[in-house]
N, C-alpha and C. Protein backbone atom coordinates (compact mmCIF):
# COMPACT_ATOMS: atom_id res chain seq x y z
N UNK A 1 -118.82 254.01 128.27
CA UNK A 1 -119.31 255.10 129.06
C UNK A 1 -119.69 256.29 128.20
N UNK A 2 -119.08 256.40 127.02
CA UNK A 2 -119.40 257.54 126.18
C UNK A 2 -120.82 257.47 125.67
N UNK A 3 -121.36 256.27 125.48
CA UNK A 3 -122.73 256.15 124.98
C UNK A 3 -123.75 256.46 126.07
N UNK A 4 -123.44 256.23 127.33
CA UNK A 4 -124.38 256.44 128.42
C UNK A 4 -124.65 257.92 128.66
N UNK A 5 -123.68 258.78 128.43
CA UNK A 5 -123.85 260.21 128.68
C UNK A 5 -124.96 260.81 127.82
N UNK A 6 -125.02 260.58 126.49
CA UNK A 6 -126.11 261.16 125.71
C UNK A 6 -127.48 260.62 126.14
N UNK A 7 -127.53 259.36 126.56
CA UNK A 7 -128.80 258.78 127.00
C UNK A 7 -129.30 259.48 128.26
N UNK A 8 -128.42 259.71 129.22
CA UNK A 8 -128.80 260.39 130.45
C UNK A 8 -129.21 261.83 130.17
N UNK A 9 -128.53 262.48 129.26
CA UNK A 9 -128.89 263.86 128.91
C UNK A 9 -130.26 263.91 128.26
N UNK A 10 -130.55 262.95 127.39
CA UNK A 10 -131.86 262.92 126.73
C UNK A 10 -132.98 262.67 127.75
N UNK A 11 -132.75 261.75 128.70
CA UNK A 11 -133.76 261.47 129.73
C UNK A 11 -133.97 262.68 130.65
N UNK A 12 -132.91 263.37 131.00
CA UNK A 12 -133.01 264.55 131.86
C UNK A 12 -133.78 265.66 131.14
N UNK A 13 -133.52 265.86 129.87
CA UNK A 13 -134.22 266.88 129.10
C UNK A 13 -135.69 266.54 128.96
N UNK A 14 -136.00 265.27 128.74
CA UNK A 14 -137.39 264.83 128.61
C UNK A 14 -138.14 265.03 129.93
N UNK A 15 -137.51 264.70 131.05
CA UNK A 15 -138.16 264.84 132.35
C UNK A 15 -138.39 266.30 132.71
N UNK A 16 -137.46 267.17 132.36
CA UNK A 16 -137.61 268.58 132.72
C UNK A 16 -138.62 269.28 131.83
N UNK A 17 -138.93 268.73 130.68
CA UNK A 17 -139.87 269.39 129.78
C UNK A 17 -141.30 268.90 129.98
N UNK A 18 -141.52 267.96 130.91
CA UNK A 18 -142.88 267.47 131.16
C UNK A 18 -143.70 268.58 131.80
N UNK A 19 -144.93 268.80 131.33
CA UNK A 19 -145.75 269.87 131.90
C UNK A 19 -146.18 269.52 133.33
N UNK A 20 -146.15 270.50 134.19
CA UNK A 20 -146.59 270.31 135.57
C UNK A 20 -148.10 270.48 135.64
N UNK A 21 -148.75 269.64 136.41
CA UNK A 21 -150.20 269.74 136.58
C UNK A 21 -150.52 270.76 137.66
N UNK A 22 -151.56 271.56 137.45
CA UNK A 22 -151.97 272.48 138.51
C UNK A 22 -152.41 271.70 139.74
N UNK A 23 -152.40 272.35 140.91
CA UNK A 23 -152.75 271.68 142.16
C UNK A 23 -154.18 271.14 142.14
N UNK A 24 -155.10 271.82 141.43
CA UNK A 24 -156.48 271.37 141.39
C UNK A 24 -156.66 270.09 140.58
N UNK A 25 -155.75 269.83 139.64
CA UNK A 25 -155.93 268.67 138.77
C UNK A 25 -155.13 267.47 139.24
N UNK A 26 -154.52 267.54 140.45
CA UNK A 26 -153.79 266.39 140.98
C UNK A 26 -154.78 265.27 141.29
N UNK A 27 -154.37 264.04 141.10
CA UNK A 27 -155.26 262.94 141.45
C UNK A 27 -155.60 262.98 142.93
N UNK A 28 -156.87 262.75 143.27
CA UNK A 28 -157.31 262.88 144.66
C UNK A 28 -156.88 261.70 145.51
N UNK A 29 -156.48 260.59 144.93
CA UNK A 29 -156.10 259.42 145.70
C UNK A 29 -154.76 259.54 146.38
N UNK A 30 -153.91 260.50 146.00
CA UNK A 30 -152.58 260.59 146.58
C UNK A 30 -152.55 261.40 147.86
N UNK A 31 -153.47 262.30 148.07
CA UNK A 31 -153.47 263.11 149.28
C UNK A 31 -152.34 264.11 149.30
N UNK A 32 -152.13 264.73 150.43
CA UNK A 32 -151.06 265.71 150.58
C UNK A 32 -149.88 265.08 151.27
N UNK A 33 -148.72 265.57 150.95
CA UNK A 33 -147.50 265.07 151.58
C UNK A 33 -147.41 265.54 153.03
N UNK A 34 -147.78 266.78 153.27
CA UNK A 34 -147.73 267.34 154.61
C UNK A 34 -149.14 267.57 155.11
N UNK A 35 -149.34 267.45 156.41
CA UNK A 35 -150.65 267.65 157.00
C UNK A 35 -150.76 269.04 157.60
N UNK A 36 -151.98 269.50 157.78
CA UNK A 36 -152.22 270.78 158.44
C UNK A 36 -151.93 270.60 159.94
N UNK A 37 -151.78 271.68 160.68
CA UNK A 37 -151.54 271.56 162.13
C UNK A 37 -152.66 270.78 162.85
N UNK A 38 -153.89 270.98 162.42
CA UNK A 38 -155.00 270.25 163.05
C UNK A 38 -154.90 268.75 162.77
N UNK A 39 -154.55 268.40 161.54
CA UNK A 39 -154.40 266.98 161.19
C UNK A 39 -153.24 266.35 161.96
N UNK A 40 -152.16 267.09 162.12
CA UNK A 40 -151.02 266.56 162.88
C UNK A 40 -151.40 266.37 164.35
N UNK A 41 -152.20 267.28 164.90
CA UNK A 41 -152.63 267.14 166.29
C UNK A 41 -153.49 265.88 166.47
N UNK A 42 -154.34 265.59 165.48
CA UNK A 42 -155.15 264.37 165.56
C UNK A 42 -154.30 263.12 165.44
N UNK A 43 -153.23 263.20 164.65
CA UNK A 43 -152.33 262.04 164.51
C UNK A 43 -151.56 261.83 165.81
N UNK A 44 -151.07 262.93 166.40
CA UNK A 44 -150.29 262.82 167.63
C UNK A 44 -151.14 262.44 168.83
N UNK A 45 -152.36 262.93 168.89
CA UNK A 45 -153.25 262.67 170.03
C UNK A 45 -154.62 262.25 169.50
N UNK A 46 -154.78 260.98 169.11
CA UNK A 46 -156.06 260.54 168.56
C UNK A 46 -157.15 260.55 169.64
N UNK A 47 -158.39 260.76 169.25
CA UNK A 47 -159.48 260.75 170.22
C UNK A 47 -159.65 259.33 170.77
N UNK A 48 -160.12 259.19 171.99
CA UNK A 48 -160.30 257.84 172.55
C UNK A 48 -161.39 257.10 171.76
N UNK A 49 -161.21 255.79 171.59
CA UNK A 49 -162.21 255.03 170.84
C UNK A 49 -163.52 254.96 171.61
N UNK A 50 -164.59 255.05 170.88
CA UNK A 50 -165.89 254.94 171.52
C UNK A 50 -166.19 253.46 171.73
N UNK A 51 -166.77 253.14 172.86
CA UNK A 51 -167.11 251.76 173.16
C UNK A 51 -168.61 251.58 173.00
N UNK A 52 -169.02 250.93 171.92
CA UNK A 52 -170.45 250.74 171.73
C UNK A 52 -171.00 249.76 172.75
N UNK A 53 -172.26 249.91 173.05
CA UNK A 53 -172.90 248.98 173.99
C UNK A 53 -172.91 247.59 173.39
N UNK A 54 -172.63 246.61 174.23
CA UNK A 54 -172.57 245.24 173.75
C UNK A 54 -174.00 244.78 173.41
N UNK A 55 -174.20 244.25 172.20
CA UNK A 55 -175.54 243.84 171.82
C UNK A 55 -176.00 242.64 172.63
N UNK A 56 -177.30 242.56 172.82
CA UNK A 56 -177.88 241.42 173.53
C UNK A 56 -177.78 240.20 172.63
N UNK A 57 -177.26 239.15 173.19
CA UNK A 57 -177.04 237.94 172.40
C UNK A 57 -178.35 237.17 172.25
N UNK A 58 -178.68 236.80 171.04
CA UNK A 58 -179.91 236.08 170.75
C UNK A 58 -179.69 234.58 170.61
N UNK A 59 -178.47 234.17 170.27
CA UNK A 59 -178.19 232.76 170.01
C UNK A 59 -177.89 231.98 171.27
N UNK A 60 -177.38 230.77 171.11
CA UNK A 60 -177.09 229.94 172.27
C UNK A 60 -175.91 230.48 173.09
N UNK A 61 -175.94 230.16 174.37
CA UNK A 61 -174.86 230.52 175.30
C UNK A 61 -174.10 229.23 175.59
N UNK A 62 -172.77 229.27 175.45
CA UNK A 62 -171.96 228.07 175.60
C UNK A 62 -170.96 228.26 176.74
N UNK A 63 -170.87 227.28 177.64
CA UNK A 63 -169.87 227.29 178.69
C UNK A 63 -168.64 226.59 178.16
N UNK A 64 -167.57 227.38 177.90
CA UNK A 64 -166.36 226.84 177.28
C UNK A 64 -165.42 226.19 178.28
N UNK A 65 -165.31 226.74 179.46
CA UNK A 65 -164.38 226.15 180.42
C UNK A 65 -164.32 226.89 181.72
N UNK A 66 -163.73 226.22 182.72
CA UNK A 66 -163.53 226.80 184.04
C UNK A 66 -162.06 226.61 184.38
N UNK A 67 -161.37 227.71 184.68
CA UNK A 67 -159.95 227.65 184.99
C UNK A 67 -159.77 228.10 186.44
N UNK A 68 -159.18 227.21 187.25
CA UNK A 68 -158.84 227.56 188.62
C UNK A 68 -157.36 227.91 188.67
N UNK A 69 -157.08 229.15 189.04
CA UNK A 69 -155.70 229.62 189.06
C UNK A 69 -155.02 229.24 190.37
N UNK A 70 -153.70 229.25 190.37
CA UNK A 70 -152.95 228.87 191.58
C UNK A 70 -153.15 229.87 192.72
N UNK A 71 -153.56 231.11 192.40
CA UNK A 71 -153.80 232.09 193.46
C UNK A 71 -155.19 231.97 194.05
N UNK A 72 -155.98 230.99 193.60
CA UNK A 72 -157.30 230.75 194.16
C UNK A 72 -158.45 231.34 193.36
N UNK A 73 -158.15 232.22 192.44
CA UNK A 73 -159.23 232.82 191.63
C UNK A 73 -159.69 231.84 190.57
N UNK A 74 -160.95 231.94 190.18
CA UNK A 74 -161.53 231.09 189.15
C UNK A 74 -161.99 231.97 188.00
N UNK A 75 -161.66 231.56 186.79
CA UNK A 75 -162.09 232.28 185.59
C UNK A 75 -163.02 231.34 184.81
N UNK A 76 -164.20 231.82 184.50
CA UNK A 76 -165.19 231.03 183.75
C UNK A 76 -165.30 231.61 182.35
N UNK A 77 -165.11 230.74 181.34
CA UNK A 77 -165.15 231.16 179.94
C UNK A 77 -166.51 230.82 179.35
N UNK A 78 -167.21 231.86 178.87
CA UNK A 78 -168.52 231.71 178.24
C UNK A 78 -168.44 232.34 176.86
N UNK A 79 -168.76 231.57 175.85
CA UNK A 79 -168.75 232.04 174.44
C UNK A 79 -167.39 232.62 174.06
N UNK A 80 -166.31 232.01 174.50
CA UNK A 80 -164.98 232.41 174.08
C UNK A 80 -164.41 233.61 174.80
N UNK A 81 -165.02 234.07 175.88
CA UNK A 81 -164.49 235.21 176.61
C UNK A 81 -164.65 234.98 178.11
N UNK A 82 -163.74 235.51 178.92
CA UNK A 82 -163.89 235.37 180.37
C UNK A 82 -165.07 236.21 180.85
N UNK A 83 -165.78 235.71 181.84
CA UNK A 83 -166.97 236.41 182.33
C UNK A 83 -166.69 237.05 183.68
N UNK A 84 -167.53 238.00 184.02
CA UNK A 84 -167.45 238.65 185.33
C UNK A 84 -168.07 237.73 186.37
N UNK A 85 -167.71 237.95 187.63
CA UNK A 85 -168.24 237.13 188.71
C UNK A 85 -169.76 237.26 188.83
N UNK A 86 -170.32 238.37 188.38
CA UNK A 86 -171.77 238.55 188.46
C UNK A 86 -172.51 237.74 187.40
N UNK A 87 -171.81 237.29 186.37
CA UNK A 87 -172.46 236.55 185.28
C UNK A 87 -172.42 235.04 185.47
N UNK A 88 -171.42 234.53 186.20
CA UNK A 88 -171.28 233.08 186.35
C UNK A 88 -170.57 232.75 187.65
N UNK A 89 -171.05 231.67 188.32
CA UNK A 89 -170.42 231.17 189.53
C UNK A 89 -170.17 229.68 189.36
N UNK A 90 -168.95 229.21 189.71
CA UNK A 90 -168.67 227.78 189.57
C UNK A 90 -169.42 226.98 190.64
N UNK A 91 -169.74 225.74 190.32
CA UNK A 91 -170.37 224.85 191.29
C UNK A 91 -169.28 224.19 192.13
N UNK A 92 -169.69 223.46 193.14
CA UNK A 92 -168.74 222.87 194.08
C UNK A 92 -167.81 221.86 193.40
N UNK A 93 -168.30 221.08 192.45
CA UNK A 93 -167.48 220.07 191.80
C UNK A 93 -166.45 220.64 190.84
N UNK A 94 -166.68 221.84 190.33
CA UNK A 94 -165.74 222.48 189.42
C UNK A 94 -165.92 222.13 187.96
N UNK A 95 -166.87 221.27 187.63
CA UNK A 95 -167.08 220.93 186.22
C UNK A 95 -168.33 221.58 185.65
N UNK A 96 -168.96 222.46 186.42
CA UNK A 96 -170.17 223.14 185.96
C UNK A 96 -170.20 224.53 186.57
N UNK A 97 -171.09 225.36 186.06
CA UNK A 97 -171.25 226.72 186.57
C UNK A 97 -172.70 227.14 186.41
N UNK A 98 -173.11 228.06 187.26
CA UNK A 98 -174.44 228.64 187.15
C UNK A 98 -174.28 229.97 186.42
N UNK A 99 -174.93 230.08 185.25
CA UNK A 99 -174.80 231.26 184.40
C UNK A 99 -176.03 232.14 184.50
N UNK A 100 -175.81 233.45 184.47
CA UNK A 100 -176.90 234.41 184.34
C UNK A 100 -177.08 234.68 182.85
N UNK A 101 -178.22 234.30 182.30
CA UNK A 101 -178.50 234.45 180.87
C UNK A 101 -178.98 235.87 180.58
N UNK A 102 -178.89 236.30 179.30
CA UNK A 102 -179.30 237.66 178.95
C UNK A 102 -180.77 237.96 179.27
N UNK A 103 -181.63 236.95 179.28
CA UNK A 103 -183.05 237.21 179.57
C UNK A 103 -183.34 237.24 181.06
N UNK A 104 -182.31 237.09 181.92
CA UNK A 104 -182.48 237.20 183.36
C UNK A 104 -182.54 235.87 184.10
N UNK A 105 -182.79 234.78 183.42
CA UNK A 105 -182.86 233.50 184.12
C UNK A 105 -181.45 232.97 184.40
N UNK A 106 -181.36 232.09 185.39
CA UNK A 106 -180.08 231.49 185.77
C UNK A 106 -180.17 230.00 185.48
N UNK A 107 -179.14 229.47 184.83
CA UNK A 107 -179.10 228.05 184.47
C UNK A 107 -177.76 227.44 184.83
N UNK A 108 -177.78 226.16 185.20
CA UNK A 108 -176.57 225.41 185.48
C UNK A 108 -176.16 224.69 184.20
N UNK A 109 -174.91 224.90 183.78
CA UNK A 109 -174.37 224.22 182.59
C UNK A 109 -173.07 223.53 182.95
N UNK A 110 -172.86 222.36 182.35
CA UNK A 110 -171.57 221.69 182.47
C UNK A 110 -170.66 222.22 181.37
N UNK A 111 -169.35 222.08 181.55
CA UNK A 111 -168.39 222.54 180.56
C UNK A 111 -168.67 221.84 179.23
N UNK A 112 -168.79 222.62 178.16
CA UNK A 112 -169.07 222.08 176.83
C UNK A 112 -170.53 222.16 176.44
N UNK A 113 -171.42 222.38 177.37
CA UNK A 113 -172.86 222.48 177.06
C UNK A 113 -173.21 223.89 176.59
N UNK A 114 -174.30 223.96 175.84
CA UNK A 114 -174.82 225.27 175.41
C UNK A 114 -176.32 225.26 175.61
N UNK A 115 -176.89 226.45 175.70
CA UNK A 115 -178.32 226.60 175.92
C UNK A 115 -178.81 227.83 175.17
N UNK A 116 -180.02 227.76 174.65
CA UNK A 116 -180.66 228.93 174.02
C UNK A 116 -181.53 229.58 175.08
N UNK A 117 -181.26 230.85 175.42
CA UNK A 117 -182.06 231.53 176.46
C UNK A 117 -183.53 231.54 176.08
N UNK A 118 -184.36 231.28 177.08
CA UNK A 118 -185.81 231.30 176.87
C UNK A 118 -186.39 230.00 176.39
N UNK A 119 -185.55 229.03 176.03
CA UNK A 119 -186.04 227.73 175.55
C UNK A 119 -185.78 226.73 176.66
N UNK A 120 -186.81 226.06 177.13
CA UNK A 120 -186.67 225.07 178.20
C UNK A 120 -185.95 223.83 177.71
N UNK A 121 -185.24 223.20 178.66
CA UNK A 121 -184.54 221.96 178.29
C UNK A 121 -184.92 220.86 179.22
């Protein structure tokens, strides 16, 4: 233990003699430890996210599935997302649906089929 004391004293003296950098010369990547009142207000109450308009889809439209729930509602999955009732209606058999395509036409697709809007089949 007697040898450790001089080592700790030497390290403490070395650390205390290091020159302090002025505030202007601090590296810019570290930022500030404390935020201004305005920054704290933004952290506590962030602005609501903006919802960009959904882009018009140019590629094929795919009917992924039709799920009939026990409460009687039907969910139709198109391109990996559930659709609104105005975009797709199931057919009587339950294995197909009539889809409203982005170009305005309506097409009947079976589950698993895809179609490119504007291209006849």
